[in-house]
N, C-alpha and C. Protein backbone atom coordinates (compact mmCIF):
# COMPACT_ATOMS: atom_id res chain seq x y z
N UNK A 1 -4.36 -19.87 -18.53
CA UNK A 1 -5.09 -18.69 -18.99
C UNK A 1 -5.63 -17.90 -17.81
N UNK A 2 -5.71 -16.64 -18.00
CA UNK A 2 -6.23 -15.74 -16.97
C UNK A 2 -7.72 -15.53 -17.24
N UNK A 3 -8.51 -15.59 -16.21
CA UNK A 3 -9.94 -15.31 -16.33
C UNK A 3 -10.14 -13.80 -16.19
N UNK A 4 -10.11 -13.11 -17.31
CA UNK A 4 -10.21 -11.65 -17.30
C UNK A 4 -11.55 -11.19 -16.76
N UNK A 5 -12.59 -11.97 -16.98
CA UNK A 5 -13.92 -11.58 -16.49
C UNK A 5 -13.93 -11.49 -14.97
N UNK A 6 -13.27 -12.44 -14.31
CA UNK A 6 -13.19 -12.41 -12.85
C UNK A 6 -12.42 -11.17 -12.39
N UNK A 7 -11.29 -10.89 -13.02
CA UNK A 7 -10.50 -9.72 -12.65
C UNK A 7 -11.28 -8.43 -12.90
N UNK A 8 -12.04 -8.41 -13.98
CA UNK A 8 -12.87 -7.25 -14.31
C UNK A 8 -13.91 -7.02 -13.21
N UNK A 9 -14.60 -8.07 -12.80
CA UNK A 9 -15.62 -7.93 -11.76
C UNK A 9 -15.01 -7.47 -10.44
N UNK A 10 -13.79 -7.92 -10.16
CA UNK A 10 -13.14 -7.51 -8.92
C UNK A 10 -12.87 -6.01 -8.89
N UNK A 11 -12.41 -5.45 -10.01
CA UNK A 11 -12.11 -4.02 -10.03
C UNK A 11 -13.40 -3.19 -10.06
N UNK A 12 -14.43 -3.68 -10.72
CA UNK A 12 -15.71 -2.95 -10.72
C UNK A 12 -16.29 -2.92 -9.31
N UNK A 13 -16.26 -4.05 -8.62
CA UNK A 13 -16.75 -4.10 -7.23
C UNK A 13 -15.94 -3.17 -6.34
N UNK A 14 -14.62 -3.16 -6.54
CA UNK A 14 -13.76 -2.28 -5.75
C UNK A 14 -14.14 -0.82 -5.99
N UNK A 15 -14.32 -0.46 -7.23
CA UNK A 15 -14.67 0.93 -7.55
C UNK A 15 -15.98 1.33 -6.87
N UNK A 16 -16.96 0.46 -6.90
CA UNK A 16 -18.24 0.75 -6.25
C UNK A 16 -18.07 0.91 -4.74
N UNK A 17 -17.26 0.04 -4.14
CA UNK A 17 -17.01 0.12 -2.70
C UNK A 17 -16.28 1.41 -2.32
N UNK A 18 -15.29 1.78 -3.12
CA UNK A 18 -14.54 3.00 -2.85
C UNK A 18 -15.43 4.23 -3.03
N UNK A 19 -16.22 4.23 -4.08
CA UNK A 19 -17.16 5.35 -4.29
C UNK A 19 -18.07 5.54 -3.09
N UNK A 20 -18.60 4.43 -2.59
CA UNK A 20 -19.49 4.49 -1.44
C UNK A 20 -18.74 4.94 -0.19
N UNK A 21 -17.58 4.39 0.05
CA UNK A 21 -16.81 4.72 1.25
C UNK A 21 -16.37 6.19 1.25
N UNK A 22 -16.00 6.68 0.09
CA UNK A 22 -15.52 8.07 0.00
C UNK A 22 -16.64 9.04 -0.36
N UNK A 23 -17.83 8.50 -0.58
CA UNK A 23 -18.99 9.29 -0.98
C UNK A 23 -18.66 10.15 -2.22
N UNK A 24 -18.07 9.48 -3.20
CA UNK A 24 -17.68 10.17 -4.42
C UNK A 24 -18.88 10.35 -5.34
N UNK A 25 -18.94 11.51 -5.94
CA UNK A 25 -19.94 11.77 -6.96
C UNK A 25 -19.21 12.39 -8.14
N UNK A 26 -18.79 11.52 -9.04
CA UNK A 26 -18.05 11.95 -10.22
C UNK A 26 -18.90 11.60 -11.43
N UNK A 27 -19.04 12.54 -12.33
CA UNK A 27 -19.79 12.29 -13.55
C UNK A 27 -19.08 11.27 -14.43
N UNK A 28 -19.82 10.64 -15.34
CA UNK A 28 -19.23 9.57 -16.15
C UNK A 28 -18.06 10.03 -17.03
N UNK A 29 -18.12 11.23 -17.56
CA UNK A 29 -17.03 11.69 -18.43
C UNK A 29 -15.78 11.99 -17.62
N UNK A 30 -15.96 12.64 -16.48
CA UNK A 30 -14.81 12.93 -15.60
C UNK A 30 -14.20 11.62 -15.09
N UNK A 31 -15.02 10.63 -14.84
CA UNK A 31 -14.51 9.33 -14.37
C UNK A 31 -13.66 8.68 -15.45
N UNK A 32 -14.14 8.67 -16.68
CA UNK A 32 -13.36 8.09 -17.79
C UNK A 32 -12.03 8.83 -17.94
N UNK A 33 -12.08 10.15 -17.87
CA UNK A 33 -10.86 10.94 -17.99
C UNK A 33 -9.88 10.60 -16.88
N UNK A 34 -10.38 10.48 -15.67
CA UNK A 34 -9.53 10.19 -14.52
C UNK A 34 -8.88 8.82 -14.66
N UNK A 35 -9.66 7.84 -15.08
CA UNK A 35 -9.13 6.50 -15.28
C UNK A 35 -8.07 6.51 -16.39
N UNK A 36 -8.36 7.23 -17.46
CA UNK A 36 -7.43 7.29 -18.59
C UNK A 36 -6.11 7.95 -18.19
N UNK A 37 -6.18 9.04 -17.43
CA UNK A 37 -4.97 9.71 -16.96
C UNK A 37 -4.18 8.77 -16.04
N UNK A 38 -4.87 8.11 -15.12
CA UNK A 38 -4.20 7.18 -14.21
C UNK A 38 -3.54 6.04 -14.98
N UNK A 39 -4.20 5.55 -16.02
CA UNK A 39 -3.63 4.49 -16.85
C UNK A 39 -2.38 4.98 -17.56
N UNK A 40 -2.44 6.18 -18.10
CA UNK A 40 -1.29 6.76 -18.78
C UNK A 40 -0.10 6.86 -17.83
N UNK A 41 -0.35 7.30 -16.61
CA UNK A 41 0.71 7.43 -15.61
C UNK A 41 1.27 6.06 -15.23
N UNK A 42 0.41 5.06 -15.04
CA UNK A 42 0.89 3.72 -14.68
C UNK A 42 1.72 3.10 -15.78
N UNK A 43 1.33 3.31 -17.03
CA UNK A 43 2.14 2.79 -18.14
C UNK A 43 3.52 3.44 -18.15
N UNK A 44 3.57 4.73 -17.88
CA UNK A 44 4.87 5.42 -17.81
C UNK A 44 5.70 4.87 -16.65
N UNK A 45 5.06 4.63 -15.51
CA UNK A 45 5.78 4.06 -14.36
C UNK A 45 6.28 2.65 -14.68
N UNK A 46 5.47 1.89 -15.41
CA UNK A 46 5.89 0.55 -15.82
C UNK A 46 7.12 0.62 -16.71
N UNK A 47 7.08 1.49 -17.69
CA UNK A 47 8.25 1.66 -18.57
C UNK A 47 9.46 2.12 -17.77
N UNK A 48 9.24 3.04 -16.86
CA UNK A 48 10.35 3.56 -16.05
C UNK A 48 10.96 2.47 -15.17
N UNK A 49 10.12 1.65 -14.55
CA UNK A 49 10.65 0.59 -13.68
C UNK A 49 11.34 -0.50 -14.50
N UNK A 50 10.89 -0.70 -15.74
CA UNK A 50 11.56 -1.66 -16.62
C UNK A 50 12.90 -1.09 -17.10
N UNK A 51 12.94 0.21 -17.33
CA UNK A 51 14.18 0.95 -17.53
C UNK A 51 14.89 0.79 -18.86
N UNK A 52 14.32 0.11 -19.85
CA UNK A 52 15.03 -0.15 -21.10
C UNK A 52 15.44 1.12 -21.84
N UNK A 53 14.66 2.18 -21.74
CA UNK A 53 14.87 3.37 -22.55
C UNK A 53 15.93 4.31 -21.99
N UNK A 54 16.31 4.10 -20.73
CA UNK A 54 17.25 5.01 -20.07
C UNK A 54 18.68 4.60 -20.42
N UNK A 55 19.09 4.93 -21.63
CA UNK A 55 20.39 4.47 -22.14
C UNK A 55 21.58 5.19 -21.51
N UNK A 56 21.36 6.38 -20.97
CA UNK A 56 22.46 7.11 -20.34
C UNK A 56 22.76 6.59 -18.95
N UNK A 57 21.74 6.33 -18.19
CA UNK A 57 21.91 5.87 -16.82
C UNK A 57 21.86 4.35 -16.72
N UNK A 58 21.03 3.74 -17.52
CA UNK A 58 20.76 2.31 -17.55
C UNK A 58 20.67 1.71 -16.13
N UNK A 59 19.59 2.07 -15.42
CA UNK A 59 19.42 1.56 -14.06
C UNK A 59 19.15 0.06 -14.06
N UNK A 60 19.37 -0.54 -12.91
CA UNK A 60 19.06 -1.97 -12.77
C UNK A 60 17.55 -2.15 -12.91
N UNK A 61 17.17 -3.24 -13.55
CA UNK A 61 15.75 -3.54 -13.73
C UNK A 61 15.10 -3.73 -12.36
N UNK A 62 13.92 -3.14 -12.19
CA UNK A 62 13.18 -3.22 -10.95
C UNK A 62 11.99 -4.16 -11.16
N UNK A 63 12.22 -5.45 -10.99
CA UNK A 63 11.19 -6.46 -11.29
C UNK A 63 9.96 -6.26 -10.41
N UNK A 64 10.14 -6.02 -9.12
CA UNK A 64 9.00 -5.84 -8.22
C UNK A 64 8.20 -4.60 -8.62
N UNK A 65 8.90 -3.51 -8.91
CA UNK A 65 8.22 -2.29 -9.36
C UNK A 65 7.50 -2.50 -10.68
N UNK A 66 8.15 -3.21 -11.59
CA UNK A 66 7.51 -3.51 -12.88
C UNK A 66 6.23 -4.30 -12.68
N UNK A 67 6.28 -5.30 -11.80
CA UNK A 67 5.10 -6.14 -11.57
C UNK A 67 3.96 -5.33 -10.97
N UNK A 68 4.29 -4.49 -10.00
CA UNK A 68 3.27 -3.65 -9.35
C UNK A 68 2.61 -2.72 -10.37
N UNK A 69 3.42 -2.06 -11.20
CA UNK A 69 2.87 -1.13 -12.18
C UNK A 69 2.14 -1.87 -13.31
N UNK A 70 2.60 -3.06 -13.61
CA UNK A 70 1.89 -3.88 -14.61
C UNK A 70 0.49 -4.22 -14.10
N UNK A 71 0.40 -4.66 -12.85
CA UNK A 71 -0.91 -5.01 -12.27
C UNK A 71 -1.84 -3.81 -12.23
N UNK A 72 -1.31 -2.67 -11.85
CA UNK A 72 -2.13 -1.46 -11.80
C UNK A 72 -2.57 -1.04 -13.21
N UNK A 73 -1.71 -1.24 -14.18
CA UNK A 73 -2.08 -0.94 -15.57
C UNK A 73 -3.21 -1.87 -16.02
N UNK A 74 -3.09 -3.16 -15.69
CA UNK A 74 -4.16 -4.10 -16.01
C UNK A 74 -5.48 -3.66 -15.37
N UNK A 75 -5.39 -3.32 -14.10
CA UNK A 75 -6.58 -2.90 -13.35
C UNK A 75 -7.27 -1.72 -14.05
N UNK A 76 -6.48 -0.74 -14.45
CA UNK A 76 -7.04 0.45 -15.08
C UNK A 76 -7.55 0.17 -16.50
N UNK A 77 -6.88 -0.70 -17.23
CA UNK A 77 -7.37 -1.14 -18.54
C UNK A 77 -8.75 -1.76 -18.37
N UNK A 78 -8.87 -2.65 -17.40
CA UNK A 78 -10.14 -3.34 -17.17
C UNK A 78 -11.23 -2.35 -16.78
N UNK A 79 -10.91 -1.44 -15.90
CA UNK A 79 -11.89 -0.45 -15.46
C UNK A 79 -12.30 0.47 -16.61
N UNK A 80 -11.32 0.85 -17.43
CA UNK A 80 -11.63 1.69 -18.59
C UNK A 80 -12.55 0.94 -19.56
N UNK A 81 -12.29 -0.35 -19.74
CA UNK A 81 -13.15 -1.14 -20.64
C UNK A 81 -14.59 -1.15 -20.13
N UNK A 82 -14.75 -1.20 -18.81
CA UNK A 82 -16.09 -1.19 -18.23
C UNK A 82 -16.78 0.15 -18.47
N UNK A 83 -16.04 1.23 -18.29
CA UNK A 83 -16.62 2.57 -18.46
C UNK A 83 -16.99 2.84 -19.91
N UNK A 84 -16.25 2.26 -20.83
CA UNK A 84 -16.53 2.43 -22.25
C UNK A 84 -17.58 1.42 -22.75
N UNK A 85 -17.93 0.48 -21.89
CA UNK A 85 -18.80 -0.64 -22.25
C UNK A 85 -18.15 -1.49 -23.35
N UNK A 86 -16.85 -1.74 -23.15
CA UNK A 86 -16.05 -2.53 -24.08
C UNK A 86 -15.51 -3.78 -23.41
N UNK A 87 -16.20 -4.29 -22.42
CA UNK A 87 -15.68 -5.44 -21.69
C UNK A 87 -15.53 -6.67 -22.59
N UNK A 88 -16.30 -6.73 -23.65
CA UNK A 88 -16.18 -7.86 -24.58
C UNK A 88 -14.81 -7.90 -25.26
N UNK A 89 -14.11 -6.78 -25.25
CA UNK A 89 -12.80 -6.71 -25.91
C UNK A 89 -11.68 -7.32 -25.07
N UNK A 90 -11.91 -7.49 -23.78
CA UNK A 90 -10.84 -8.03 -22.93
C UNK A 90 -10.81 -9.54 -22.90
N UNK A 91 -11.91 -10.17 -23.26
CA UNK A 91 -11.97 -11.63 -23.26
C UNK A 91 -11.11 -12.15 -24.41
N UNK A 92 -10.32 -13.16 -24.10
CA UNK A 92 -9.42 -13.72 -25.11
C UNK A 92 -9.71 -15.21 -25.29
N UNK A 93 -9.79 -15.62 -26.53
CA UNK A 93 -9.99 -17.05 -26.79
C UNK A 93 -8.63 -17.76 -26.84
N UNK A 94 -8.67 -19.06 -26.95
CA UNK A 94 -7.43 -19.86 -26.94
C UNK A 94 -6.49 -19.47 -28.07
N UNK A 95 -7.05 -19.16 -29.22
CA UNK A 95 -6.22 -18.76 -30.36
C UNK A 95 -5.43 -17.49 -30.05
N UNK A 96 -6.07 -16.52 -29.40
CA UNK A 96 -5.38 -15.28 -29.04
C UNK A 96 -4.30 -15.53 -27.99
N UNK A 97 -4.61 -16.39 -27.01
CA UNK A 97 -3.61 -16.75 -26.01
C UNK A 97 -2.41 -17.42 -26.65
N UNK A 98 -2.68 -18.35 -27.55
CA UNK A 98 -1.60 -19.07 -28.22
C UNK A 98 -0.72 -18.13 -29.03
N UNK A 99 -1.35 -17.18 -29.71
CA UNK A 99 -0.59 -16.21 -30.50
C UNK A 99 0.33 -15.38 -29.61
N UNK A 100 -0.17 -14.92 -28.49
CA UNK A 100 0.65 -14.13 -27.57
C UNK A 100 1.78 -14.99 -27.01
N UNK A 101 1.46 -16.20 -26.60
CA UNK A 101 2.48 -17.07 -26.00
C UNK A 101 3.55 -17.53 -26.98
N UNK A 102 3.24 -17.54 -28.28
CA UNK A 102 4.22 -17.92 -29.31
C UNK A 102 5.14 -16.76 -29.69
N UNK A 103 4.77 -15.57 -29.28
CA UNK A 103 5.52 -14.38 -29.64
C UNK A 103 6.87 -14.37 -28.92
N UNK A 104 7.90 -13.96 -29.63
CA UNK A 104 9.23 -13.84 -29.05
C UNK A 104 9.29 -12.60 -28.17
N UNK A 105 10.05 -12.65 -27.08
CA UNK A 105 10.20 -11.46 -26.24
C UNK A 105 10.86 -10.32 -27.02
N UNK A 106 10.40 -9.12 -26.77
CA UNK A 106 10.99 -7.94 -27.37
C UNK A 106 12.20 -7.55 -26.54
N UNK A 107 13.35 -7.46 -27.18
CA UNK A 107 14.60 -7.18 -26.46
C UNK A 107 15.32 -5.92 -26.95
N UNK A 108 15.20 -5.62 -28.24
CA UNK A 108 15.94 -4.49 -28.82
C UNK A 108 15.29 -3.18 -28.42
N UNK A 109 16.14 -2.19 -28.17
CA UNK A 109 15.68 -0.88 -27.74
C UNK A 109 14.61 -0.30 -28.66
N UNK A 110 14.88 -0.30 -29.96
CA UNK A 110 13.93 0.29 -30.91
C UNK A 110 12.58 -0.45 -30.88
N UNK A 111 12.61 -1.76 -30.72
CA UNK A 111 11.37 -2.54 -30.68
C UNK A 111 10.60 -2.31 -29.38
N UNK A 112 11.34 -2.19 -28.28
CA UNK A 112 10.69 -1.89 -26.99
C UNK A 112 10.04 -0.51 -27.04
N UNK A 113 10.75 0.45 -27.62
CA UNK A 113 10.18 1.80 -27.78
C UNK A 113 8.91 1.75 -28.62
N UNK A 114 8.98 1.04 -29.75
CA UNK A 114 7.82 0.95 -30.65
C UNK A 114 6.63 0.31 -29.94
N UNK A 115 6.89 -0.73 -29.18
CA UNK A 115 5.81 -1.42 -28.47
C UNK A 115 5.13 -0.48 -27.48
N UNK A 116 5.92 0.22 -26.70
CA UNK A 116 5.37 1.16 -25.71
C UNK A 116 4.58 2.28 -26.41
N UNK A 117 5.18 2.85 -27.43
CA UNK A 117 4.52 3.93 -28.15
C UNK A 117 3.26 3.45 -28.87
N UNK A 118 3.27 2.20 -29.33
CA UNK A 118 2.07 1.63 -29.97
C UNK A 118 0.93 1.51 -28.96
N UNK A 119 1.23 1.06 -27.76
CA UNK A 119 0.20 0.97 -26.73
C UNK A 119 -0.40 2.35 -26.48
N UNK A 120 0.46 3.35 -26.33
CA UNK A 120 -0.02 4.71 -26.09
C UNK A 120 -0.83 5.23 -27.28
N UNK A 121 -0.35 4.97 -28.49
CA UNK A 121 -1.05 5.41 -29.70
C UNK A 121 -2.45 4.77 -29.78
N UNK A 122 -2.49 3.46 -29.60
CA UNK A 122 -3.78 2.77 -29.68
C UNK A 122 -4.73 3.22 -28.57
N UNK A 123 -4.21 3.44 -27.38
CA UNK A 123 -5.07 3.93 -26.29
C UNK A 123 -5.62 5.32 -26.60
N UNK A 124 -4.77 6.19 -27.09
CA UNK A 124 -5.25 7.53 -27.44
C UNK A 124 -6.30 7.47 -28.55
N UNK A 125 -6.09 6.62 -29.52
CA UNK A 125 -7.07 6.46 -30.59
C UNK A 125 -8.39 5.91 -30.03
N UNK A 126 -8.29 4.98 -29.13
CA UNK A 126 -9.50 4.42 -28.50
C UNK A 126 -10.23 5.49 -27.71
N UNK A 127 -9.48 6.28 -26.98
CA UNK A 127 -10.10 7.31 -26.14
C UNK A 127 -10.71 8.44 -26.97
N UNK A 128 -9.91 9.03 -27.84
CA UNK A 128 -10.37 10.22 -28.56
C UNK A 128 -11.29 9.90 -29.73
N UNK A 129 -11.08 8.76 -30.38
CA UNK A 129 -11.88 8.41 -31.56
C UNK A 129 -12.85 7.26 -31.31
N UNK A 130 -12.88 6.78 -30.08
CA UNK A 130 -13.81 5.71 -29.67
C UNK A 130 -13.66 4.46 -30.53
N UNK A 131 -12.43 4.10 -30.82
CA UNK A 131 -12.16 2.94 -31.67
C UNK A 131 -11.88 1.71 -30.82
N UNK A 132 -12.82 0.81 -30.87
CA UNK A 132 -12.71 -0.42 -30.08
C UNK A 132 -11.53 -1.28 -30.51
N UNK A 133 -11.29 -1.35 -31.79
CA UNK A 133 -10.20 -2.20 -32.28
C UNK A 133 -8.85 -1.68 -31.79
N UNK A 134 -8.71 -0.38 -31.68
CA UNK A 134 -7.47 0.18 -31.14
C UNK A 134 -7.31 -0.21 -29.67
N UNK A 135 -8.40 -0.18 -28.92
CA UNK A 135 -8.35 -0.61 -27.53
C UNK A 135 -7.92 -2.07 -27.44
N UNK A 136 -8.49 -2.92 -28.30
CA UNK A 136 -8.14 -4.34 -28.31
C UNK A 136 -6.65 -4.53 -28.60
N UNK A 137 -6.11 -3.78 -29.56
CA UNK A 137 -4.69 -3.90 -29.89
C UNK A 137 -3.82 -3.49 -28.69
N UNK A 138 -4.17 -2.38 -28.06
CA UNK A 138 -3.42 -1.92 -26.88
C UNK A 138 -3.48 -2.97 -25.78
N UNK A 139 -4.65 -3.54 -25.56
CA UNK A 139 -4.84 -4.57 -24.53
C UNK A 139 -3.95 -5.78 -24.80
N UNK A 140 -3.96 -6.26 -26.04
CA UNK A 140 -3.15 -7.43 -26.38
C UNK A 140 -1.65 -7.13 -26.25
N UNK A 141 -1.24 -5.93 -26.61
CA UNK A 141 0.17 -5.56 -26.44
C UNK A 141 0.55 -5.51 -24.96
N UNK A 142 -0.34 -5.02 -24.12
CA UNK A 142 -0.06 -5.00 -22.68
C UNK A 142 0.05 -6.42 -22.14
N UNK A 143 -0.85 -7.30 -22.55
CA UNK A 143 -0.81 -8.69 -22.09
C UNK A 143 0.52 -9.33 -22.53
N UNK A 144 0.89 -9.10 -23.78
CA UNK A 144 2.15 -9.64 -24.31
C UNK A 144 3.35 -9.08 -23.52
N UNK A 145 3.32 -7.79 -23.20
CA UNK A 145 4.40 -7.16 -22.45
C UNK A 145 4.61 -7.87 -21.12
N UNK A 146 3.53 -8.16 -20.42
CA UNK A 146 3.65 -8.81 -19.11
C UNK A 146 4.02 -10.27 -19.19
N UNK A 147 3.32 -11.01 -20.04
CA UNK A 147 3.54 -12.46 -20.10
C UNK A 147 4.83 -12.84 -20.81
N UNK A 148 5.12 -12.18 -21.90
CA UNK A 148 6.26 -12.59 -22.74
C UNK A 148 7.52 -11.78 -22.41
N UNK A 149 7.40 -10.46 -22.45
CA UNK A 149 8.60 -9.63 -22.27
C UNK A 149 9.07 -9.59 -20.82
N UNK A 150 8.13 -9.44 -19.89
CA UNK A 150 8.51 -9.37 -18.48
C UNK A 150 8.52 -10.75 -17.82
N UNK A 151 7.91 -11.73 -18.46
CA UNK A 151 7.97 -13.10 -17.98
C UNK A 151 7.08 -13.43 -16.80
N UNK A 152 6.03 -12.65 -16.57
CA UNK A 152 5.11 -12.96 -15.48
C UNK A 152 4.20 -14.10 -15.92
N UNK A 153 3.90 -15.01 -15.02
CA UNK A 153 3.02 -16.13 -15.36
C UNK A 153 1.56 -15.74 -15.14
N UNK A 154 0.68 -16.45 -15.79
CA UNK A 154 -0.76 -16.24 -15.62
C UNK A 154 -1.15 -16.39 -14.15
N UNK A 155 -0.57 -17.38 -13.50
CA UNK A 155 -0.89 -17.63 -12.09
C UNK A 155 -0.42 -16.48 -11.21
N UNK A 156 0.80 -15.99 -11.46
CA UNK A 156 1.31 -14.85 -10.69
C UNK A 156 0.40 -13.64 -10.87
N UNK A 157 0.04 -13.37 -12.10
CA UNK A 157 -0.80 -12.20 -12.39
C UNK A 157 -2.14 -12.32 -11.67
N UNK A 158 -2.80 -13.46 -11.79
CA UNK A 158 -4.10 -13.65 -11.16
C UNK A 158 -4.02 -13.52 -9.64
N UNK A 159 -3.03 -14.16 -9.05
CA UNK A 159 -2.87 -14.15 -7.59
C UNK A 159 -2.53 -12.75 -7.08
N UNK A 160 -1.55 -12.13 -7.69
CA UNK A 160 -1.11 -10.81 -7.23
C UNK A 160 -2.15 -9.73 -7.51
N UNK A 161 -2.90 -9.89 -8.58
CA UNK A 161 -3.98 -8.93 -8.89
C UNK A 161 -5.04 -8.99 -7.78
N UNK A 162 -5.40 -10.20 -7.39
CA UNK A 162 -6.38 -10.37 -6.32
C UNK A 162 -5.87 -9.73 -5.03
N UNK A 163 -4.59 -9.89 -4.74
CA UNK A 163 -3.98 -9.27 -3.55
C UNK A 163 -4.01 -7.75 -3.65
N UNK A 164 -3.73 -7.21 -4.84
CA UNK A 164 -3.77 -5.77 -5.05
C UNK A 164 -5.16 -5.22 -4.77
N UNK A 165 -6.18 -5.87 -5.29
CA UNK A 165 -7.56 -5.44 -5.08
C UNK A 165 -7.89 -5.48 -3.59
N UNK A 166 -7.46 -6.53 -2.93
CA UNK A 166 -7.72 -6.66 -1.48
C UNK A 166 -7.04 -5.53 -0.70
N UNK A 167 -5.78 -5.23 -1.05
CA UNK A 167 -5.05 -4.13 -0.38
C UNK A 167 -5.77 -2.80 -0.59
N UNK A 168 -6.19 -2.56 -1.81
CA UNK A 168 -6.87 -1.30 -2.11
C UNK A 168 -8.20 -1.21 -1.37
N UNK A 169 -8.92 -2.30 -1.33
CA UNK A 169 -10.20 -2.32 -0.62
C UNK A 169 -9.97 -2.05 0.87
N UNK A 170 -8.96 -2.69 1.46
CA UNK A 170 -8.66 -2.49 2.88
C UNK A 170 -8.25 -1.06 3.18
N UNK A 171 -7.59 -0.43 2.23
CA UNK A 171 -7.15 0.96 2.43
C UNK A 171 -8.33 1.93 2.40
N UNK A 172 -9.30 1.67 1.54
CA UNK A 172 -10.38 2.63 1.33
C UNK A 172 -11.69 2.28 2.02
N UNK A 173 -11.93 1.02 2.20
CA UNK A 173 -13.25 0.60 2.71
C UNK A 173 -13.09 0.06 4.12
N UNK A 174 -13.68 0.75 5.06
CA UNK A 174 -13.66 0.30 6.46
C UNK A 174 -14.98 -0.42 6.73
N UNK A 175 -14.88 -1.69 7.04
CA UNK A 175 -16.09 -2.50 7.26
C UNK A 175 -16.72 -2.16 8.60
């Protein structure tokens, strides 16, 4: 299992460090909007690197690119949950983990499309209508996408996420 609380604290600390280093003064609503736009872009990049929908070109799957965009999507989901004060929605109990892990990988084009569009739909509903349950559904679908469909392990996600945070901190924060 992934300790989402630890990952959440890492991204919150990073955001505070970057804000201080860059002397950013962004209002809370503009910050939420910026995070939401960045999340939307990362999800599109994740879909693009996975490449299932490109039936005309059908590029080779870019596993490294998919993993990078998946981690960045997780990071932005976590940060958005903090800004909305919905961090309680990211914690998963054993029953939820078991349900995700028992799920069959999505392979068919129409099902992959539906899954991606469902994440976007639930996120938009969460953002515009402030629906926590929609955010939770989008979160669980993203977790399922990474663990089941893309086959990333909990250990890989935790380790590489920590590395991503460290890289970002090193880029923005000069000690």
